[in-house]
């Protein structure tokens, strides 16, 4: 039950003469000939009362002024006109009521509070009304919408993200990674290369279009190549055996100026001594150790 109180039940309104020299405790303005409120033996003008002392209404959050009727219950306060049923908005200033989930409810609407509450609008879902349930929460049909585009999801697929729900299209736009090659969202699977995401079908050899996922490959000038295509079209040829120098499989390579050799091929043309980490002489595209070069 709510209890009514009017300000004059607690405070006194007085008219003072000029000789009283009465001032507001807060703003220090003269209260001569003015209406004021006596609170804890301290005089207060009406304006300061509403600013510093009046209780805020639990519904509209505005102060309950000295000229308004105030209702209170359980440590909360309301304007008389704000004390209404949460569901039907009927005034309960002079009627019985109940408190359900911290909301004021009239006796007629009380049975409705046992129904499921919409996760979005927080209102009861009436029996027989089409609704949706997911993860223990319920929604009115009109409230079960995508958090981004606000369209009703209905029976379409959706993706939950924390407490929010997204249609598939908006989820892809907001959360999905986008392929480095085609820039379209990656909805499942995919390949990561140099911390960049790719569709499996986009991660292919530049020449033969073979998918490279799980295969040996290399990059050259921002393009990807499988072993065969890189060897045939991109790799330099060994200065000795003239086969492709790829470095695949951990093979070691020797480089000098614009030429390359397999490590095992980097030998003197005459004595076949390995020239790795040794001085050598190049003549007519062949390489020689220092001793052999003197007899040329």
Protein backbone atom coordinates (compact mmCIF):
# COMPACT_ATOMS: atom_id res chain seq x y z
CA UNK A 1 0.00 0.00 0.00
CA UNK A 2 1.21 3.52 -0.80
CA UNK A 3 1.18 6.27 1.77
CA UNK A 4 0.31 9.83 0.81
CA UNK A 5 2.07 12.80 2.23
CA UNK A 6 1.75 16.45 1.39
CA UNK A 7 4.60 18.85 2.10
CA UNK A 8 2.64 20.78 4.72
CA UNK A 9 2.42 17.59 6.77
CA UNK A 10 6.16 17.84 7.33
CA UNK A 11 7.13 21.45 6.77
CA UNK A 12 5.73 24.79 7.87
CA UNK A 13 4.91 27.71 5.61
CA UNK A 14 5.17 31.11 7.25
CA UNK A 15 4.76 34.74 6.41
CA UNK A 16 7.40 36.95 8.04
CA UNK A 17 7.53 40.67 8.56
CA UNK A 18 10.42 42.95 7.60
CA UNK A 19 11.75 42.86 11.15
CA UNK A 20 12.29 39.09 11.06
CA UNK A 21 15.30 39.36 8.70
CA UNK A 22 14.83 35.75 7.53
CA UNK A 23 17.06 34.35 4.75
CA UNK A 24 17.17 31.07 2.80
CA UNK A 25 19.73 28.71 4.34
CA UNK A 26 21.08 27.79 0.86
CA UNK A 27 20.99 30.85 -1.40
CA UNK A 28 20.83 33.48 1.40
CA UNK A 29 18.07 35.41 -0.35
CA UNK A 30 15.55 37.22 1.82
CA UNK A 31 12.38 35.27 2.58
CA UNK A 32 10.43 38.40 3.52
CA UNK A 33 6.90 38.01 2.26
CA UNK A 34 7.85 34.71 0.56
CA UNK A 35 6.65 31.17 1.06
CA UNK A 36 9.37 28.99 2.51
CA UNK A 37 9.89 25.54 4.02
CA UNK A 38 11.35 24.88 7.45
CA UNK A 39 13.58 21.76 7.18
CA UNK A 40 15.57 20.65 10.24
CA UNK A 41 15.03 24.12 11.73
CA UNK A 42 16.62 25.71 8.68
CA UNK A 43 14.47 27.98 6.42
CA UNK A 44 14.64 27.20 2.69
CA UNK A 45 13.08 28.95 -0.31
CA UNK A 46 10.89 26.93 -2.68
CA UNK A 47 13.51 26.96 -5.46
CA UNK A 48 16.30 25.63 -3.23
CA UNK A 49 13.96 23.08 -1.69
CA UNK A 50 13.32 21.52 -5.12
CA UNK A 51 17.02 21.76 -6.03
CA UNK A 52 18.62 20.41 -2.85
CA UNK A 53 16.01 18.71 -0.66
CA UNK A 54 13.02 17.37 -2.62
CA UNK A 55 12.90 13.64 -3.34
CA UNK A 56 13.26 12.61 -7.00
CA UNK A 57 10.36 10.73 -8.57
CA UNK A 58 11.21 7.06 -9.23
CA UNK A 59 9.52 7.27 -12.66
CA UNK A 60 10.19 10.70 -14.22
CA UNK A 61 13.31 11.41 -12.09
CA UNK A 62 12.19 15.02 -11.54
CA UNK A 63 12.05 16.50 -8.02
CA UNK A 64 8.73 16.30 -6.22
CA UNK A 65 8.08 19.95 -5.41
CA UNK A 66 6.39 21.40 -2.35
CA UNK A 67 3.21 21.97 -4.34
CA UNK A 68 2.91 18.36 -5.47
CA UNK A 69 1.41 15.41 -3.70
CA UNK A 70 4.05 12.80 -2.96
CA UNK A 71 3.57 9.04 -2.64
CA UNK A 72 6.16 6.74 -1.14
CA UNK A 73 6.67 3.04 -0.64
CA UNK A 74 9.70 0.92 0.24
CA UNK A 75 12.08 3.88 0.27
CA UNK A 76 11.00 5.17 -3.15
CA UNK A 77 8.98 8.28 -4.00
CA UNK A 78 6.58 9.20 -6.81
CA UNK A 79 4.54 12.12 -8.06
CA UNK A 80 0.92 11.19 -7.64
CA UNK A 81 0.42 11.26 -11.42
CA UNK A 82 3.47 9.04 -12.01
CA UNK A 83 2.29 6.30 -9.67
CA UNK A 84 0.78 4.08 -12.40
CA UNK A 85 0.66 0.41 -13.40
CA UNK A 86 3.68 -0.53 -15.49
CA UNK A 87 1.51 -2.52 -17.93
CA UNK A 88 -1.78 -0.66 -18.35
CA UNK A 89 -0.70 2.81 -17.09
CA UNK A 90 -3.76 3.07 -14.84
CA UNK A 91 -3.30 5.44 -11.89
CA UNK A 92 -2.83 3.57 -8.63
CA UNK A 93 -2.75 6.57 -6.30
CA UNK A 94 -5.96 5.37 -4.62
CA UNK A 95 -5.95 1.67 -5.57
CA UNK A 96 -4.23 -1.44 -4.34
CA UNK A 97 -1.06 -2.50 -6.10
CA UNK A 98 1.80 -4.98 -5.98
CA UNK A 99 5.52 -4.70 -6.62
CA UNK A 100 6.79 -7.26 -9.15
CA UNK A 101 10.39 -7.18 -10.39
CA UNK A 102 10.67 -3.65 -8.92
CA UNK A 103 7.71 -2.48 -11.00
CA UNK A 104 4.32 -1.26 -9.83
CA UNK A 105 1.51 -3.51 -11.07
CA UNK A 106 -2.25 -3.27 -10.56
CA UNK A 107 -4.27 -6.31 -9.44
CA UNK A 108 -5.64 -6.90 -12.95
CA UNK A 109 -2.23 -6.93 -14.61
CA UNK A 110 -0.52 -8.95 -11.88
CA UNK A 111 -1.20 -12.33 -13.58
CA UNK A 112 0.60 -11.04 -16.70
CA UNK A 113 3.83 -10.70 -14.78
CA UNK A 114 4.12 -14.48 -14.58
CA UNK A 115 4.44 -14.57 -18.38
CA UNK A 116 7.83 -14.42 -20.10
CA UNK A 117 9.35 -10.96 -20.41
CA UNK A 118 10.69 -9.71 -23.74
CA UNK A 119 14.49 -9.41 -23.65
CA UNK A 120 14.31 -6.24 -25.78
CA UNK A 121 11.39 -4.10 -24.58
CA UNK A 122 11.15 -5.72 -21.10
CA UNK A 123 7.38 -6.05 -21.37
CA UNK A 124 5.36 -9.23 -20.82
CA UNK A 125 4.71 -11.53 -23.76
CA UNK A 126 0.98 -12.28 -23.75
CA UNK A 127 -0.22 -15.84 -24.04
CA UNK A 128 -0.91 -16.77 -27.66
CA UNK A 129 1.42 -14.07 -28.99
CA UNK A 130 4.07 -15.18 -31.47
CA UNK A 131 7.47 -14.95 -29.87
CA UNK A 132 11.00 -16.28 -30.16
CA UNK A 133 13.23 -17.96 -27.60
CA UNK A 134 17.00 -18.31 -27.67
CA UNK A 135 19.55 -18.95 -24.93
CA UNK A 136 16.91 -18.76 -22.21
CA UNK A 137 15.65 -15.32 -23.33
CA UNK A 138 12.37 -14.42 -25.04
CA UNK A 139 11.41 -11.77 -27.60
CA UNK A 140 8.20 -10.44 -29.14
CA UNK A 141 8.21 -11.13 -32.87
CA UNK A 142 8.52 -7.40 -33.58
CA UNK A 143 11.42 -7.10 -31.08
CA UNK A 144 13.47 -10.00 -32.45
CA UNK A 145 15.52 -7.83 -34.78
CA UNK A 146 19.09 -7.47 -36.02
CA UNK A 147 21.06 -5.15 -33.77
CA UNK A 148 22.67 -3.46 -36.80
CA UNK A 149 19.99 -3.09 -39.49
CA UNK A 150 16.97 -3.43 -37.12
CA UNK A 151 15.13 -5.72 -39.53
CA UNK A 152 12.95 -8.47 -38.06
CA UNK A 153 14.80 -11.77 -38.18
CA UNK A 154 11.76 -14.02 -38.07
CA UNK A 155 12.68 -17.56 -39.13
CA UNK A 156 15.89 -16.51 -40.89
CA UNK A 157 19.33 -17.51 -39.67
CA UNK A 158 21.04 -15.22 -37.16
CA UNK A 159 24.32 -14.98 -35.25
CA UNK A 160 24.52 -14.06 -31.54
CA UNK A 161 27.34 -11.76 -30.45
CA UNK A 162 27.25 -11.42 -26.66
CA UNK A 163 23.86 -9.97 -25.75
CA UNK A 164 23.27 -8.78 -29.32
CA UNK A 165 21.81 -10.61 -32.30
CA UNK A 166 22.75 -10.03 -35.93
CA UNK A 167 21.37 -11.25 -39.23
CA UNK A 168 23.91 -13.22 -41.27
CA UNK A 169 24.58 -10.32 -43.65
CA UNK A 170 25.25 -7.76 -40.90
CA UNK A 171 27.34 -10.20 -38.91
CA UNK A 172 29.59 -10.72 -41.94
CA UNK A 173 29.92 -6.97 -42.51
CA UNK A 174 30.69 -6.19 -38.87
CA UNK A 175 32.67 -9.20 -37.60
CA UNK A 176 33.88 -11.49 -40.42
CA UNK A 177 37.42 -11.27 -41.75
CA UNK A 178 37.71 -10.27 -45.40
CA UNK A 179 39.78 -12.14 -47.95
CA UNK A 180 43.04 -10.43 -48.98
CA UNK A 181 42.41 -11.43 -52.59
CA UNK A 182 38.69 -10.84 -53.30
CA UNK A 183 37.86 -8.63 -50.25
CA UNK A 184 34.68 -10.63 -49.58
CA UNK A 185 33.90 -11.91 -46.03
CA UNK A 186 35.25 -15.29 -44.97
CA UNK A 187 32.35 -17.12 -43.34
CA UNK A 188 34.10 -20.43 -42.65
CA UNK A 189 37.51 -22.03 -42.96
CA UNK A 190 40.07 -20.02 -44.88
CA UNK A 191 43.86 -19.75 -44.88
CA UNK A 192 46.18 -17.37 -43.04
CA UNK A 193 49.42 -16.26 -44.72
CA UNK A 194 51.65 -13.54 -43.27
CA UNK A 195 48.86 -12.70 -40.82
CA UNK A 196 46.44 -12.06 -43.68
CA UNK A 197 43.22 -14.05 -44.24
CA UNK A 198 42.34 -15.75 -47.52
CA UNK A 199 39.50 -17.87 -48.84
CA UNK A 200 40.81 -21.36 -49.53
CA UNK A 201 39.64 -21.00 -53.13
CA UNK A 202 41.46 -17.64 -53.46
CA UNK A 203 44.76 -18.91 -52.07
CA UNK A 204 46.02 -20.32 -55.39
CA UNK A 205 49.08 -20.36 -57.67
CA UNK A 206 49.28 -17.30 -59.91
CA UNK A 207 50.05 -19.45 -62.97
CA UNK A 208 48.23 -22.78 -62.76
CA UNK A 209 45.49 -21.70 -60.25
CA UNK A 210 46.14 -24.76 -58.08
CA UNK A 211 45.01 -24.30 -54.45
CA UNK A 212 48.04 -23.88 -52.20
CA UNK A 213 46.53 -24.72 -48.81
CA UNK A 214 48.67 -27.46 -47.21
CA UNK A 215 51.12 -27.39 -50.16
CA UNK A 216 54.64 -26.01 -50.62
CA UNK A 217 54.62 -22.60 -52.28
CA UNK A 218 56.52 -19.34 -52.38
CA UNK A 219 55.79 -15.69 -52.93
CA UNK A 220 57.34 -13.52 -55.61
CA UNK A 221 56.51 -9.87 -56.35
CA UNK A 222 53.21 -10.08 -54.41
CA UNK A 223 52.08 -13.26 -56.18
CA UNK A 224 52.02 -16.86 -54.99
CA UNK A 225 53.41 -19.82 -56.94
CA UNK A 226 53.40 -23.55 -56.44
CA UNK A 227 56.74 -25.42 -56.55
CA UNK A 228 56.40 -26.50 -60.19
CA UNK A 229 55.37 -23.10 -61.57
CA UNK A 230 57.99 -21.21 -59.58
CA UNK A 231 60.70 -23.60 -60.78
CA UNK A 232 59.55 -23.43 -64.40
CA UNK A 233 58.80 -19.71 -64.77
CA UNK A 234 60.37 -17.69 -61.95
CA UNK A 235 63.43 -19.37 -60.40
CA UNK A 236 66.91 -18.60 -61.71
CA UNK A 237 68.93 -21.48 -63.18
CA UNK A 238 72.02 -22.87 -61.47
CA UNK A 239 75.27 -21.55 -63.02
CA UNK A 240 76.62 -25.10 -63.18
CA UNK A 241 73.81 -27.65 -63.69
CA UNK A 242 71.34 -25.13 -65.18
CA UNK A 243 68.46 -26.57 -63.14
CA UNK A 244 66.11 -24.22 -61.19
CA UNK A 245 67.49 -22.85 -57.92
CA UNK A 246 64.45 -22.69 -55.64
CA UNK A 247 65.59 -23.25 -52.08
CA UNK A 248 62.61 -25.57 -51.53
CA UNK A 249 63.15 -28.31 -48.99
CA UNK A 250 65.85 -26.31 -47.19
CA UNK A 251 68.31 -26.50 -50.09
CA UNK A 252 71.20 -24.04 -49.65
CA UNK A 253 71.93 -21.47 -52.36
CA UNK A 254 75.06 -19.52 -53.28
CA UNK A 255 74.59 -16.10 -54.86
CA UNK A 256 77.14 -13.91 -56.60
CA UNK A 257 76.04 -10.72 -58.32
CA UNK A 258 73.10 -11.75 -60.53
CA UNK A 259 73.92 -15.48 -60.60
CA UNK A 260 72.94 -18.38 -58.37
CA UNK A 261 74.17 -21.94 -57.77
CA UNK A 262 73.12 -24.91 -55.76
CA UNK A 263 75.61 -25.21 -52.89
CA UNK A 264 76.77 -28.61 -54.12
CA UNK A 265 77.26 -27.20 -57.64
CA UNK A 266 79.46 -24.30 -56.58
CA UNK A 267 82.78 -25.96 -57.55
CA UNK A 268 85.90 -25.21 -59.55
CA UNK A 269 85.34 -25.98 -63.24
CA UNK A 270 88.67 -27.87 -63.48
CA UNK A 271 89.46 -29.53 -60.13
CA UNK A 272 85.89 -29.68 -58.77
CA UNK A 273 86.94 -28.30 -55.39
CA UNK A 274 84.06 -26.68 -53.49
CA UNK A 275 84.34 -22.90 -53.61
CA UNK A 276 81.81 -22.21 -50.83
CA UNK A 277 83.25 -19.46 -48.60
CA UNK A 278 86.44 -19.37 -50.72
CA UNK A 279 87.87 -16.94 -53.23
CA UNK A 280 87.20 -17.78 -56.87
CA UNK A 281 87.67 -16.41 -60.38
CA UNK A 282 84.95 -16.23 -63.01
CA UNK A 283 85.89 -16.72 -66.64
CA UNK A 284 83.37 -16.99 -69.50
CA UNK A 285 80.56 -17.80 -67.04
CA UNK A 286 82.60 -20.60 -65.43
CA UNK A 287 84.17 -20.43 -61.96
CA UNK A 288 87.67 -21.54 -60.91
CA UNK A 289 89.69 -21.72 -57.73
CA UNK A 290 92.68 -19.40 -57.52
CA UNK A 291 95.20 -22.19 -58.33
CA UNK A 292 93.37 -23.40 -61.44
CA UNK A 293 92.74 -19.87 -62.67
CA UNK A 294 96.53 -19.32 -62.94
CA UNK A 295 96.85 -22.09 -65.54
CA UNK A 296 94.07 -20.85 -67.80
